[in-house]
Protein backbone atom coordinates (compact mmCIF):
# COMPACT_ATOMS: atom_id res chain seq x y z
CA UNK A 1 140.72 93.95 157.36
CA UNK A 2 138.53 90.96 157.84
CA UNK A 3 135.23 89.61 158.91
CA UNK A 4 135.00 91.78 162.02
CA UNK A 5 135.45 94.99 160.01
CA UNK A 6 132.86 93.94 157.44
CA UNK A 7 130.40 93.03 160.17
CA UNK A 8 130.90 96.43 161.81
CA UNK A 9 130.24 98.19 158.50
CA UNK A 10 127.11 96.11 157.99
CA UNK A 11 125.86 97.11 161.43
CA UNK A 12 126.39 100.76 160.56
CA UNK A 13 124.56 100.29 157.28
CA UNK A 14 121.66 98.59 159.06
CA UNK A 15 121.44 101.51 161.49
CA UNK A 16 121.34 103.95 158.56
CA UNK A 17 118.60 101.91 156.88
CA UNK A 18 116.58 101.99 160.10
CA UNK A 19 117.10 105.76 160.26
CA UNK A 20 115.93 106.03 156.65
CA UNK A 21 112.85 103.99 157.53
CA UNK A 22 112.11 106.41 160.36
CA UNK A 23 112.61 109.46 158.13
CA UNK A 24 110.32 108.03 155.44
CA UNK A 25 107.65 107.27 158.04
CA UNK A 26 108.04 110.81 159.35
CA UNK A 27 107.64 112.15 155.82
CA UNK A 28 104.53 110.00 155.38
CA UNK A 29 102.98 111.38 158.57
CA UNK A 30 103.51 114.91 157.27
CA UNK A 31 101.97 114.00 153.93
CA UNK A 32 98.93 112.32 155.44
CA UNK A 33 98.32 115.14 157.92
CA UNK A 34 97.68 117.56 155.07
CA UNK A 35 99.97 120.11 156.72
CA UNK A 36 102.93 120.18 154.37
CA UNK A 37 104.75 123.04 156.07
CA UNK A 38 107.61 120.77 157.16
CA UNK A 39 107.65 118.51 154.09
CA UNK A 40 110.70 120.22 152.61
CA UNK A 41 112.69 119.61 155.79
CA UNK A 42 111.62 115.97 155.99
CA UNK A 43 112.56 115.41 152.35
CA UNK A 44 115.97 117.00 152.89
CA UNK A 45 116.56 114.71 155.89
CA UNK A 46 115.69 111.66 153.77
CA UNK A 47 118.19 112.82 151.12
CA UNK A 48 120.89 113.29 153.77
CA UNK A 49 120.43 109.74 155.06
CA UNK A 50 120.52 108.40 151.48
CA UNK A 51 123.84 110.22 150.93
CA UNK A 52 125.24 108.68 154.11
CA UNK A 53 124.07 105.27 152.91
CA UNK A 54 125.92 105.71 149.61
CA UNK A 55 129.15 106.41 151.49
CA UNK A 56 128.59 103.46 153.82
CA UNK A 57 127.83 101.22 150.84
CA UNK A 58 131.14 102.12 149.21
CA UNK A 59 133.03 101.25 152.38
CA UNK A 60 131.16 97.96 152.67
CA UNK A 61 131.91 97.09 149.05
CA UNK A 62 135.64 97.65 149.54
CA UNK A 63 135.71 95.63 152.77
CA UNK A 64 133.59 92.83 151.28
CA UNK A 65 135.92 92.56 148.29
CA UNK A 66 138.95 92.26 150.57
CA UNK A 67 137.28 89.61 152.72
CA UNK A 68 136.07 87.71 149.65
CA UNK A 69 139.65 87.51 148.35
CA UNK A 70 140.85 86.46 151.80
CA UNK A 71 138.32 83.62 151.83
CA UNK A 72 139.13 82.54 148.25
CA UNK A 73 136.18 84.12 146.49
CA UNK A 74 135.97 86.51 143.58
CA UNK A 75 136.36 90.15 144.66
CA UNK A 76 132.82 90.86 143.41
CA UNK A 77 131.22 88.12 145.54
CA UNK A 78 127.89 88.99 147.11
CA UNK A 79 127.21 89.03 150.82
CA UNK A 80 125.26 85.79 150.31
CA UNK A 81 128.36 84.19 148.73
CA UNK A 82 130.55 85.45 151.57
CA UNK A 83 128.15 84.04 154.18
CA UNK A 84 128.09 80.68 152.39
CA UNK A 85 131.90 80.55 152.17
CA UNK A 86 132.48 81.61 155.78
CA UNK A 87 134.81 79.32 157.71
CA UNK A 88 133.45 77.10 160.46
CA UNK A 89 132.30 79.22 163.35
CA UNK A 90 129.91 82.09 163.90
CA UNK A 91 130.63 84.12 160.76
CA UNK A 92 128.19 82.26 158.52
CA UNK A 93 125.34 82.92 160.96
CA UNK A 94 126.41 86.54 161.55
CA UNK A 95 126.56 87.37 157.85
CA UNK A 96 123.32 85.48 157.17
CA UNK A 97 121.68 87.59 159.90
CA UNK A 98 122.98 90.78 158.33
CA UNK A 99 121.74 89.65 154.93
CA UNK A 100 118.26 88.86 156.27
CA UNK A 101 117.97 92.17 158.15
CA UNK A 102 119.20 94.19 155.16
CA UNK A 103 116.65 92.48 152.92
CA UNK A 104 113.77 93.15 155.33
CA UNK A 105 114.75 96.80 155.75
CA UNK A 106 115.03 97.22 151.99
CA UNK A 107 111.52 95.83 151.45
CA UNK A 108 110.07 98.17 154.12
CA UNK A 109 111.89 101.18 152.65
CA UNK A 110 110.61 100.36 149.17
CA UNK A 111 107.02 100.13 150.50
CA UNK A 112 107.33 103.49 152.29
CA UNK A 113 108.93 105.14 149.26
CA UNK A 114 106.14 103.92 146.98
CA UNK A 115 103.41 105.00 149.41
CA UNK A 116 104.98 108.45 149.83
CA UNK A 117 105.26 108.78 146.07
CA UNK A 118 101.54 108.04 145.73
CA UNK A 119 100.70 110.64 148.38
CA UNK A 120 102.85 113.23 146.60
CA UNK A 121 101.27 112.46 143.23
CA UNK A 122 97.77 112.73 144.70
CA UNK A 123 98.66 116.05 146.34
CA UNK A 124 100.08 117.40 143.07
CA UNK A 125 97.01 116.27 141.14
CA UNK A 126 94.69 117.85 143.73
CA UNK A 127 96.63 121.11 143.57
CA UNK A 128 96.46 121.16 139.77
CA UNK A 129 92.72 120.56 139.86
CA UNK A 130 92.21 123.31 142.41
CA UNK A 131 94.25 125.82 140.41
CA UNK A 132 92.47 124.84 137.21
CA UNK A 133 89.13 125.46 138.94
CA UNK A 134 90.17 129.00 139.84
CA UNK A 135 90.91 130.03 136.26
CA UNK A 136 87.88 130.79 134.11
CA UNK A 137 87.32 128.40 131.27
CA UNK A 138 87.57 130.09 127.87
CA UNK A 139 84.58 128.10 126.70
CA UNK A 140 83.21 128.84 123.25
CA UNK A 141 82.69 132.17 121.50
CA UNK A 142 79.28 133.74 121.05
CA UNK A 143 78.00 135.63 117.99
CA UNK A 144 79.71 138.89 119.07
CA UNK A 145 83.12 137.20 119.54
CA UNK A 146 82.92 137.10 123.34
CA UNK A 147 83.26 134.07 125.54
CA UNK A 148 80.07 134.69 127.40
CA UNK A 149 81.95 134.70 130.72
CA UNK A 150 81.58 137.53 133.14
CA UNK A 151 85.01 139.16 133.30
CA UNK A 152 83.94 141.33 136.22
CA UNK A 153 85.24 141.22 139.74
CA UNK A 154 84.72 138.14 141.88
CA UNK A 155 84.01 138.19 145.56
CA UNK A 156 85.57 135.69 147.90
CA UNK A 157 84.37 135.19 151.43
CA UNK A 158 87.43 135.80 153.60
CA UNK A 159 85.83 133.99 156.53
CA UNK A 160 85.90 130.63 154.75
């Protein structure tokens, strides 16, 4: 256990966050193309990376707690606290670099997640409006108790 192990885990977590960024951008490209055939696969891939991140986060938490105790900090010390308490040498800069990169990746992921959520909401709203336009409106009743709508067959142009 030690600083080297924690740094290695942080590198792995950064790589997973970069992969998540890629998968979210991929999902966004599918959403903006209007061809949602592969959306289910892209969403599943995002979920798989998130699961891997949870596992990596647990490992990092355990290693960070051990290093924090080793350096005289509370076991629940943050990465920022660990970087500040690092002994003289490169560890303060290494952990500060990890902290900065993790923060930047988190901001980018949040932006992508929010944008994708907006695209999904717009697509759902558009689908609901389209389906609602296909169903005849009940309207109001006339003097004979009918709706006044033609309940006959409708023709659709198959070429369109």
